[in-house]
Amino acid sequence: MPLRASLEALGNVGVGALVVAAMLALTAFARSAVRRVASALFSPVIAMGAMPLTIYTLHLVVLGLAVREENGVVTDDSWPLLIGLVVGSSVFAWLWRRYLGRGPLERMLRWASGRGRDLAAPAATSPGTADSRAERS
C-alpha cells in the first residue's frame, strides 16, 4: 500500500504541474483583453496567493475555534465551514490587498527580517573619507 500511495501522490503532483503549465501557456498567448478579464475574475485568488501566511494562519484559528463534539466524536468538518473559509478568505484577501497592500502577517515578517526598513538610505560619511573631503571642496 505505501508504494501505491506514493505513486498516487506523484501522479497528483504531475497532473497539478501539467494544469499549471497549461494555464501559464494559455495566459501567455492570450490577447490582452482576455488577460484583463481573467485578471479581474481571478483577483480574489491572486490576492489570497499574495498573502499565504495570513490566510493560512486565519484558517488555523478558525478551525481551532470550530472544533465541536458531534455524536460523541470531536470534529471540525462541515460544508458551511469550508464554504465560509473559502468565501471569507477570498473577500478578506481581495479587500485587504486592494486597499492596504501586503498582508498583515507578511508585513510583520518583512519588518522582523529587516527587509521592511529603508535599506537604500545613504550611509553617513565619516569626516576622514574621500567623499567627505570632496563635499567640502
N, C-alpha and C. Protein backbone atom coordinates (compact mmCIF):
# COMPACT_ATOMS: atom_id res chain seq x y z
N MET A 1 0.80 -1.21 0.00
CA MET A 1 0.00 0.00 0.00
C MET A 1 0.84 1.27 0.00
N PRO A 2 1.97 1.37 0.74
CA PRO A 2 2.73 2.62 0.71
C PRO A 2 3.21 2.98 -0.69
N LEU A 3 3.56 1.97 -1.51
CA LEU A 3 4.00 2.24 -2.87
C LEU A 3 2.87 2.84 -3.69
N ARG A 4 1.68 2.31 -3.51
CA ARG A 4 0.52 2.81 -4.25
C ARG A 4 0.23 4.26 -3.87
N ALA A 5 0.29 4.56 -2.57
CA ALA A 5 0.05 5.93 -2.12
C ALA A 5 1.11 6.88 -2.67
N SER A 6 2.35 6.42 -2.72
CA SER A 6 3.43 7.25 -3.26
C SER A 6 3.21 7.52 -4.75
N LEU A 7 2.81 6.49 -5.48
CA LEU A 7 2.55 6.67 -6.91
C LEU A 7 1.36 7.58 -7.15
N GLU A 8 0.33 7.47 -6.31
CA GLU A 8 -0.82 8.36 -6.44
C GLU A 8 -0.42 9.81 -6.16
N ALA A 9 0.39 10.00 -5.14
CA ALA A 9 0.85 11.36 -4.82
C ALA A 9 1.70 11.92 -5.96
N LEU A 10 2.57 11.10 -6.52
CA LEU A 10 3.39 11.53 -7.65
C LEU A 10 2.52 11.87 -8.85
N GLY A 11 1.51 11.05 -9.11
CA GLY A 11 0.59 11.33 -10.20
C GLY A 11 -0.18 12.62 -9.98
N ASN A 12 -0.62 12.86 -8.75
CA ASN A 12 -1.34 14.10 -8.44
C ASN A 12 -0.47 15.32 -8.64
N VAL A 13 0.79 15.23 -8.21
CA VAL A 13 1.72 16.34 -8.41
C VAL A 13 1.94 16.58 -9.91
N GLY A 14 2.09 15.50 -10.65
CA GLY A 14 2.28 15.62 -12.10
C GLY A 14 1.10 16.27 -12.79
N VAL A 15 -0.11 15.84 -12.43
CA VAL A 15 -1.30 16.44 -13.03
C VAL A 15 -1.40 17.92 -12.64
N GLY A 16 -1.11 18.23 -11.39
CA GLY A 16 -1.15 19.62 -10.95
C GLY A 16 -0.15 20.48 -11.72
N ALA A 17 1.06 19.97 -11.90
CA ALA A 17 2.09 20.70 -12.65
C ALA A 17 1.67 20.90 -14.10
N LEU A 18 1.04 19.89 -14.67
CA LEU A 18 0.56 19.97 -16.05
C LEU A 18 -0.53 21.04 -16.19
N VAL A 19 -1.44 21.08 -15.24
CA VAL A 19 -2.52 22.08 -15.28
C VAL A 19 -1.93 23.48 -15.14
N VAL A 20 -0.99 23.67 -14.22
CA VAL A 20 -0.37 24.98 -14.05
C VAL A 20 0.37 25.39 -15.32
N ALA A 21 1.12 24.47 -15.91
CA ALA A 21 1.84 24.77 -17.15
C ALA A 21 0.88 25.13 -18.28
N ALA A 22 -0.23 24.41 -18.38
CA ALA A 22 -1.22 24.70 -19.43
C ALA A 22 -1.84 26.08 -19.22
N MET A 23 -2.17 26.41 -17.98
CA MET A 23 -2.76 27.73 -17.70
C MET A 23 -1.77 28.86 -17.97
N LEU A 24 -0.51 28.64 -17.62
CA LEU A 24 0.51 29.66 -17.91
C LEU A 24 0.68 29.85 -19.41
N ALA A 25 0.68 28.75 -20.15
CA ALA A 25 0.80 28.83 -21.60
C ALA A 25 -0.40 29.55 -22.20
N LEU A 26 -1.59 29.24 -21.72
CA LEU A 26 -2.79 29.90 -22.24
C LEU A 26 -2.76 31.40 -21.96
N THR A 27 -2.35 31.78 -20.77
CA THR A 27 -2.32 33.21 -20.45
C THR A 27 -1.20 33.93 -21.20
N ALA A 28 -0.12 33.24 -21.47
CA ALA A 28 0.98 33.87 -22.20
C ALA A 28 0.58 34.18 -23.64
N PHE A 29 -0.25 33.33 -24.23
CA PHE A 29 -0.65 33.51 -25.62
C PHE A 29 -2.01 34.20 -25.78
N ALA A 30 -2.65 34.53 -24.68
CA ALA A 30 -3.97 35.15 -24.74
C ALA A 30 -3.86 36.62 -25.15
N ARG A 31 -4.93 37.11 -25.71
CA ARG A 31 -4.98 38.52 -26.07
C ARG A 31 -5.06 39.37 -24.80
N SER A 32 -4.71 40.61 -24.91
CA SER A 32 -4.68 41.47 -23.73
C SER A 32 -6.07 41.63 -23.11
N ALA A 33 -7.11 41.66 -23.92
CA ALA A 33 -8.46 41.77 -23.36
C ALA A 33 -8.81 40.54 -22.54
N VAL A 34 -8.42 39.37 -23.01
CA VAL A 34 -8.68 38.13 -22.27
C VAL A 34 -7.90 38.13 -20.96
N ARG A 35 -6.66 38.61 -21.01
CA ARG A 35 -5.85 38.68 -19.80
C ARG A 35 -6.44 39.64 -18.78
N ARG A 36 -6.98 40.77 -19.24
CA ARG A 36 -7.61 41.73 -18.33
C ARG A 36 -8.83 41.12 -17.65
N VAL A 37 -9.65 40.42 -18.44
CA VAL A 37 -10.85 39.79 -17.88
C VAL A 37 -10.45 38.70 -16.89
N ALA A 38 -9.49 37.87 -17.27
CA ALA A 38 -9.04 36.80 -16.38
C ALA A 38 -8.43 37.37 -15.10
N SER A 39 -7.68 38.45 -15.23
CA SER A 39 -7.08 39.07 -14.05
C SER A 39 -8.15 39.61 -13.11
N ALA A 40 -9.18 40.23 -13.67
CA ALA A 40 -10.27 40.74 -12.83
C ALA A 40 -11.06 39.60 -12.20
N LEU A 41 -11.30 38.56 -12.98
CA LEU A 41 -12.08 37.42 -12.49
C LEU A 41 -11.36 36.67 -11.38
N PHE A 42 -10.07 36.51 -11.52
CA PHE A 42 -9.29 35.74 -10.55
C PHE A 42 -8.58 36.60 -9.52
N SER A 43 -8.91 37.88 -9.44
CA SER A 43 -8.22 38.76 -8.49
C SER A 43 -8.36 38.31 -7.04
N PRO A 44 -9.50 37.73 -6.60
CA PRO A 44 -9.52 37.23 -5.21
C PRO A 44 -8.54 36.08 -4.98
N VAL A 45 -8.40 35.21 -5.95
CA VAL A 45 -7.45 34.09 -5.82
C VAL A 45 -6.02 34.62 -5.83
N ILE A 46 -5.76 35.59 -6.69
CA ILE A 46 -4.43 36.20 -6.74
C ILE A 46 -4.12 36.88 -5.41
N ALA A 47 -5.10 37.56 -4.84
CA ALA A 47 -4.90 38.23 -3.55
C ALA A 47 -4.60 37.22 -2.45
N MET A 48 -5.33 36.09 -2.44
CA MET A 48 -5.05 35.06 -1.42
C MET A 48 -3.65 34.49 -1.61
N GLY A 49 -3.23 34.33 -2.84
CA GLY A 49 -1.88 33.82 -3.10
C GLY A 49 -0.79 34.79 -2.72
N ALA A 50 -1.13 36.07 -2.63
CA ALA A 50 -0.15 37.08 -2.26
C ALA A 50 0.02 37.20 -0.75
N MET A 51 -0.88 36.60 0.02
CA MET A 51 -0.76 36.67 1.48
C MET A 51 -1.02 35.30 2.11
N PRO A 52 -0.23 34.30 1.75
CA PRO A 52 -0.49 32.95 2.24
C PRO A 52 -0.32 32.80 3.75
N LEU A 53 0.65 33.46 4.33
CA LEU A 53 0.87 33.32 5.77
C LEU A 53 -0.35 33.82 6.55
N THR A 54 -0.89 34.94 6.16
CA THR A 54 -2.07 35.49 6.82
C THR A 54 -3.27 34.58 6.65
N ILE A 55 -3.52 34.13 5.42
CA ILE A 55 -4.69 33.31 5.13
C ILE A 55 -4.59 31.97 5.86
N TYR A 56 -3.44 31.31 5.80
CA TYR A 56 -3.30 30.01 6.48
C TYR A 56 -3.44 30.17 7.98
N THR A 57 -2.88 31.24 8.54
CA THR A 57 -2.99 31.47 9.98
C THR A 57 -4.44 31.69 10.38
N LEU A 58 -5.15 32.49 9.61
CA LEU A 58 -6.57 32.70 9.89
C LEU A 58 -7.36 31.40 9.79
N HIS A 59 -7.02 30.57 8.80
CA HIS A 59 -7.69 29.27 8.68
C HIS A 59 -7.46 28.42 9.92
N LEU A 60 -6.22 28.39 10.41
CA LEU A 60 -5.92 27.59 11.60
C LEU A 60 -6.67 28.11 12.82
N VAL A 61 -6.77 29.42 12.96
CA VAL A 61 -7.50 29.99 14.09
C VAL A 61 -8.99 29.63 14.00
N VAL A 62 -9.57 29.79 12.82
CA VAL A 62 -11.00 29.47 12.64
C VAL A 62 -11.24 27.98 12.87
N LEU A 63 -10.37 27.12 12.32
CA LEU A 63 -10.54 25.68 12.52
C LEU A 63 -10.38 25.30 13.99
N GLY A 64 -9.47 25.97 14.68
CA GLY A 64 -9.30 25.71 16.10
C GLY A 64 -10.52 26.11 16.91
N LEU A 65 -11.17 27.17 16.49
CA LEU A 65 -12.37 27.63 17.19
C LEU A 65 -13.61 26.82 16.79
N ALA A 66 -13.54 26.12 15.67
CA ALA A 66 -14.71 25.41 15.15
C ALA A 66 -14.81 23.97 15.66
N VAL A 67 -13.86 23.52 16.47
CA VAL A 67 -13.90 22.15 16.98
C VAL A 67 -15.13 21.98 17.86
N ARG A 68 -15.86 20.91 17.62
CA ARG A 68 -17.07 20.63 18.39
C ARG A 68 -17.23 19.13 18.55
N GLU A 69 -18.11 18.74 19.41
CA GLU A 69 -18.40 17.32 19.60
C GLU A 69 -19.73 17.00 18.93
N GLU A 70 -19.70 15.98 18.09
CA GLU A 70 -20.89 15.59 17.35
C GLU A 70 -21.07 14.09 17.48
N ASN A 71 -22.14 13.65 18.13
CA ASN A 71 -22.40 12.22 18.37
C ASN A 71 -21.25 11.55 19.11
N GLY A 72 -20.66 12.25 20.04
CA GLY A 72 -19.57 11.70 20.83
C GLY A 72 -18.22 11.72 20.15
N VAL A 73 -18.13 12.32 18.94
CA VAL A 73 -16.87 12.40 18.19
C VAL A 73 -16.48 13.86 18.05
N VAL A 74 -15.22 14.16 18.36
CA VAL A 74 -14.72 15.53 18.21
C VAL A 74 -14.44 15.75 16.73
N THR A 75 -15.01 16.81 16.17
CA THR A 75 -14.85 17.08 14.74
C THR A 75 -14.81 18.58 14.50
N ASP A 76 -14.32 18.95 13.35
CA ASP A 76 -14.33 20.35 12.93
C ASP A 76 -14.70 20.47 11.46
N ASP A 77 -15.25 19.40 10.90
CA ASP A 77 -15.56 19.43 9.47
C ASP A 77 -17.03 19.68 9.21
N SER A 78 -17.28 20.50 8.24
CA SER A 78 -18.64 20.76 7.79
C SER A 78 -18.55 21.56 6.49
N TRP A 79 -19.55 21.39 5.65
CA TRP A 79 -19.60 22.14 4.39
C TRP A 79 -19.74 23.63 4.62
N PRO A 80 -20.60 24.06 5.54
CA PRO A 80 -20.69 25.51 5.76
C PRO A 80 -19.35 26.12 6.21
N LEU A 81 -18.59 25.39 7.02
CA LEU A 81 -17.29 25.89 7.46
C LEU A 81 -16.35 26.02 6.26
N LEU A 82 -16.31 25.00 5.41
CA LEU A 82 -15.45 25.04 4.22
C LEU A 82 -15.82 26.21 3.31
N ILE A 83 -17.10 26.34 3.03
CA ILE A 83 -17.54 27.43 2.15
C ILE A 83 -17.26 28.78 2.80
N GLY A 84 -17.49 28.87 4.11
CA GLY A 84 -17.19 30.11 4.82
C GLY A 84 -15.71 30.48 4.77
N LEU A 85 -14.84 29.48 4.92
CA LEU A 85 -13.41 29.73 4.83
C LEU A 85 -13.00 30.20 3.44
N VAL A 86 -13.52 29.54 2.41
CA VAL A 86 -13.15 29.90 1.04
C VAL A 86 -13.66 31.30 0.69
N VAL A 87 -14.95 31.52 0.91
CA VAL A 87 -15.54 32.82 0.56
C VAL A 87 -14.98 33.93 1.46
N GLY A 88 -14.92 33.67 2.75
CA GLY A 88 -14.40 34.67 3.68
C GLY A 88 -12.96 35.04 3.39
N SER A 89 -12.14 34.04 3.10
CA SER A 89 -10.73 34.29 2.78
C SER A 89 -10.61 35.10 1.50
N SER A 90 -11.41 34.75 0.51
CA SER A 90 -11.36 35.46 -0.77
C SER A 90 -11.73 36.92 -0.60
N VAL A 91 -12.81 37.17 0.08
CA VAL A 91 -13.27 38.55 0.28
C VAL A 91 -12.27 39.33 1.12
N PHE A 92 -11.83 38.74 2.23
CA PHE A 92 -10.85 39.41 3.10
C PHE A 92 -9.58 39.75 2.33
N ALA A 93 -9.02 38.76 1.63
CA ALA A 93 -7.75 38.97 0.92
C ALA A 93 -7.91 40.00 -0.19
N TRP A 94 -9.01 39.93 -0.91
CA TRP A 94 -9.23 40.87 -2.00
C TRP A 94 -9.33 42.30 -1.47
N LEU A 95 -10.14 42.50 -0.43
CA LEU A 95 -10.30 43.84 0.12
C LEU A 95 -9.00 44.36 0.74
N TRP A 96 -8.32 43.50 1.49
CA TRP A 96 -7.08 43.93 2.14
C TRP A 96 -6.05 44.33 1.09
N ARG A 97 -5.87 43.48 0.10
CA ARG A 97 -4.86 43.75 -0.93
C ARG A 97 -5.22 45.00 -1.73
N ARG A 98 -6.50 45.17 -2.02
CA ARG A 98 -6.94 46.32 -2.82
C ARG A 98 -6.69 47.64 -2.09
N TYR A 99 -6.99 47.67 -0.79
CA TYR A 99 -6.91 48.94 -0.06
C TYR A 99 -5.68 49.10 0.82
N LEU A 100 -5.05 48.01 1.24
CA LEU A 100 -3.93 48.12 2.17
C LEU A 100 -2.63 47.50 1.68
N GLY A 101 -2.68 46.76 0.57
CA GLY A 101 -1.45 46.18 0.02
C GLY A 101 -1.10 44.84 0.64
N ARG A 102 0.15 44.70 1.04
CA ARG A 102 0.68 43.45 1.58
C ARG A 102 -0.10 43.00 2.81
N GLY A 103 -0.23 41.67 2.98
CA GLY A 103 -0.97 41.11 4.10
C GLY A 103 -0.36 41.49 5.44
N PRO A 104 -1.15 41.49 6.52
CA PRO A 104 -0.64 41.93 7.82
C PRO A 104 0.50 41.07 8.35
N LEU A 105 0.39 39.75 8.27
CA LEU A 105 1.48 38.91 8.78
C LEU A 105 2.69 38.96 7.84
N GLU A 106 2.46 39.14 6.56
CA GLU A 106 3.57 39.30 5.62
C GLU A 106 4.32 40.59 5.90
N ARG A 107 3.59 41.64 6.27
CA ARG A 107 4.24 42.90 6.65
C ARG A 107 5.10 42.72 7.90
N MET A 108 4.52 42.03 8.91
CA MET A 108 5.27 41.82 10.15
C MET A 108 6.52 40.98 9.89
N LEU A 109 6.41 39.95 9.07
CA LEU A 109 7.56 39.11 8.76
C LEU A 109 8.62 39.91 8.01
N ARG A 110 8.19 40.73 7.09
CA ARG A 110 9.14 41.57 6.34
C ARG A 110 9.84 42.54 7.29
N TRP A 111 9.08 43.13 8.20
CA TRP A 111 9.68 44.05 9.16
C TRP A 111 10.66 43.32 10.08
N ALA A 112 10.26 42.15 10.59
CA ALA A 112 11.10 41.39 11.52
C ALA A 112 12.39 40.91 10.86
N SER A 113 12.34 40.66 9.57
CA SER A 113 13.54 40.19 8.87
C SER A 113 14.47 41.33 8.51
N GLY A 114 14.02 42.56 8.69
CA GLY A 114 14.86 43.71 8.36
C GLY A 114 14.67 44.20 6.95
N ARG A 115 13.89 43.50 6.15
CA ARG A 115 13.68 43.92 4.77
C ARG A 115 12.69 45.07 4.67
N GLY A 116 11.95 45.32 5.72
CA GLY A 116 10.97 46.40 5.70
C GLY A 116 11.59 47.75 6.00
N ARG A 117 12.79 47.74 6.51
CA ARG A 117 13.46 49.00 6.82
C ARG A 117 14.02 49.60 5.54
N ASP A 118 14.26 50.87 5.55
CA ASP A 118 14.78 51.52 4.36
C ASP A 118 16.26 51.20 4.20
N LEU A 119 16.53 50.20 3.36
CA LEU A 119 17.92 49.76 3.16
C LEU A 119 18.64 50.65 2.15
N ALA A 120 17.91 51.43 1.41
CA ALA A 120 18.51 52.25 0.37
C ALA A 120 18.94 53.62 0.89
N ALA A 121 18.80 53.87 2.18
CA ALA A 121 19.19 55.16 2.74
C ALA A 121 20.70 55.33 2.60
N PRO A 122 21.14 56.51 2.22
CA PRO A 122 22.58 56.72 2.04
C PRO A 122 23.30 56.63 3.38
N ALA A 123 24.44 55.99 3.36
CA ALA A 123 25.24 55.84 4.58
C ALA A 123 25.92 57.17 4.88
N ALA A 124 26.00 57.50 6.14
CA ALA A 124 26.66 58.74 6.55
C ALA A 124 28.16 58.59 6.33
N THR A 125 28.75 59.60 5.78
CA THR A 125 30.19 59.54 5.54
C THR A 125 30.92 60.07 6.76
N SER A 126 32.01 59.41 7.08
CA SER A 126 32.80 59.87 8.22
C SER A 126 33.70 61.02 7.77
N PRO A 127 34.15 61.87 8.69
CA PRO A 127 34.88 63.09 8.33
C PRO A 127 36.16 62.84 7.55
N GLY A 128 36.80 61.69 7.71
CA GLY A 128 38.08 61.49 7.06
C GLY A 128 38.02 60.78 5.72
N THR A 129 36.86 60.50 5.18
CA THR A 129 36.78 59.76 3.93
C THR A 129 36.91 60.67 2.74
N ALA A 130 37.20 60.10 1.59
CA ALA A 130 37.36 60.87 0.36
C ALA A 130 36.06 61.56 -0.02
N ASP A 131 34.91 60.91 0.26
CA ASP A 131 33.62 61.52 -0.07
C ASP A 131 33.40 62.80 0.70
N SER A 132 33.74 62.79 1.98
CA SER A 132 33.51 63.99 2.79
C SER A 132 34.46 65.11 2.39
N ARG A 133 35.69 64.75 1.97
CA ARG A 133 36.62 65.78 1.52
C ARG A 133 36.15 66.40 0.23
N ALA A 134 35.55 65.59 -0.66
CA ALA A 134 35.09 66.12 -1.95
C ALA A 134 33.90 67.04 -1.73
N GLU A 135 33.08 66.74 -0.72
CA GLU A 135 31.91 67.57 -0.45
C GLU A 135 32.35 68.95 0.07
N ARG A 136 33.45 69.00 0.84
CA ARG A 136 33.89 70.26 1.43
C ARG A 136 34.55 71.15 0.39
N SER A 137 35.08 70.60 -0.68
CA SER A 137 35.81 71.45 -1.64
C SER A 137 34.94 71.96 -2.75
